[in-house]
Amino acid sequence: RILDASQFTNLSIPKRLALLIDKLNEMHYQARWEAGADGPRVIFGRCPYAAIIEKHPELCRMDGSLLKNVLGKEVRQLGRIEKAQGLCVFAVS
């Protein structure tokens, strides 16, 4: 498995985010993270599921669950890629 939550154990949040971004980019998400006043945000510049995401929003929930499990924090989706355009943004609390 490319993303195994045990790899992230005992890491600080910034280190977890950096490792997470590396792993997501190996899966072609074009991911990055940025700090914010309300906490970090994880941004996907590309969604591997963009062609089918409108009919399968559960894939967004799957990505959110993955982020929550790896980061050990609540995650809320702020925006998603639609019609293969835009960004997918998750807020980490």
Protein backbone atom coordinates (compact mmCIF):
# COMPACT_ATOMS: atom_id res chain seq x y z
CA ARG A 1 0.00 0.00 0.00
CA ILE A 2 1.26 3.43 -0.90
CA LEU A 3 -0.56 5.13 1.98
CA ASP A 4 -0.18 3.29 5.24
CA ALA A 5 -1.26 5.31 8.29
CA SER A 6 1.45 3.65 10.40
CA GLN A 7 4.11 5.57 8.40
CA PHE A 8 2.74 8.77 9.92
CA THR A 9 2.72 7.73 13.56
CA ASN A 10 4.71 9.95 15.92
CA LEU A 11 5.29 12.65 13.28
CA SER A 12 4.37 16.29 13.81
CA ILE A 13 1.49 17.63 11.71
CA PRO A 14 3.81 19.54 9.33
CA LYS A 15 5.88 16.39 8.79
CA ARG A 16 2.72 14.30 8.31
CA LEU A 17 1.47 16.80 5.75
CA ALA A 18 4.79 16.81 3.87
CA LEU A 19 4.90 13.00 3.73
CA LEU A 20 1.22 12.86 2.78
CA ILE A 21 1.76 15.30 -0.09
CA ASP A 22 4.69 13.23 -1.36
CA LYS A 23 2.56 10.06 -1.31
CA LEU A 24 -0.43 11.75 -2.96
CA ASN A 25 1.77 13.12 -5.70
CA GLU A 26 3.07 9.61 -6.37
CA MET A 27 -0.60 8.88 -7.14
CA HIS A 28 -0.82 11.92 -9.49
CA TYR A 29 -3.00 14.20 -7.33
CA GLN A 30 -0.79 17.27 -7.89
CA ALA A 31 -1.25 17.92 -4.18
CA ARG A 32 0.09 20.61 -1.92
CA TRP A 33 -0.71 21.97 1.52
CA GLU A 34 -0.79 25.46 2.90
CA ALA A 35 -1.07 26.94 6.34
CA GLY A 36 -4.14 28.97 7.20
CA ALA A 37 -5.57 30.93 10.13
CA ASP A 38 -8.03 28.09 10.82
CA GLY A 39 -5.49 25.32 10.24
CA PRO A 40 -3.82 23.69 7.28
CA ARG A 41 -5.54 22.99 3.98
CA VAL A 42 -4.75 20.13 1.61
CA ILE A 43 -5.27 21.00 -2.04
CA PHE A 44 -5.52 18.61 -4.96
CA GLY A 45 -4.70 20.22 -8.31
CA ARG A 46 -5.76 17.05 -10.09
CA CYS A 47 -8.23 14.38 -9.09
CA PRO A 48 -7.62 10.88 -10.48
CA TYR A 49 -11.40 10.44 -10.46
CA ALA A 50 -12.31 13.74 -12.15
CA ALA A 51 -13.95 12.05 -15.14
CA ILE A 52 -16.47 10.25 -12.93
CA ILE A 53 -16.62 12.35 -9.75
CA GLU A 54 -19.98 13.99 -10.52
CA LYS A 55 -21.70 10.58 -10.51
CA HIS A 56 -19.59 9.21 -7.65
CA PRO A 57 -19.23 11.83 -4.88
CA GLU A 58 -18.40 9.00 -2.47
CA LEU A 59 -14.88 9.17 -3.91
CA CYS A 60 -14.50 12.63 -2.34
CA ARG A 61 -15.61 11.16 0.99
CA MET A 62 -13.03 8.40 0.50
CA ASP A 63 -10.30 11.02 0.01
CA GLY A 64 -11.50 12.87 3.12
CA SER A 65 -11.43 9.65 5.16
CA LEU A 66 -7.94 8.90 3.93
CA LEU A 67 -6.74 12.35 5.01
CA LYS A 68 -8.44 12.00 8.40
CA ASN A 69 -6.88 8.59 9.04
CA VAL A 70 -3.38 9.69 8.06
CA LEU A 71 -3.43 13.06 9.81
CA GLY A 72 -5.41 12.01 12.88
CA LYS A 73 -7.46 15.21 12.59
CA GLU A 74 -10.95 16.10 11.45
CA VAL A 75 -11.10 16.99 7.76
CA ARG A 76 -13.79 18.95 5.94
CA GLN A 77 -14.08 19.36 2.20
CA LEU A 78 -14.31 23.01 1.16
CA GLY A 79 -14.37 22.59 -2.61
CA ARG A 80 -14.12 19.92 -5.24
CA ILE A 81 -13.05 19.53 -8.82
CA GLU A 82 -16.06 19.61 -11.09
CA LYS A 83 -16.17 18.93 -14.80
CA ALA A 84 -12.43 18.17 -14.58
CA GLN A 85 -11.64 21.79 -13.64
CA GLY A 86 -10.74 23.66 -10.47
CA LEU A 87 -9.23 22.41 -7.25
CA CYS A 88 -10.26 20.03 -4.53
CA VAL A 89 -9.68 21.59 -1.09
CA PHE A 90 -9.84 19.98 2.35
CA ALA A 91 -9.56 21.91 5.62
CA VAL A 92 -7.77 20.14 8.47
CA SER A 93 -8.88 21.07 11.99
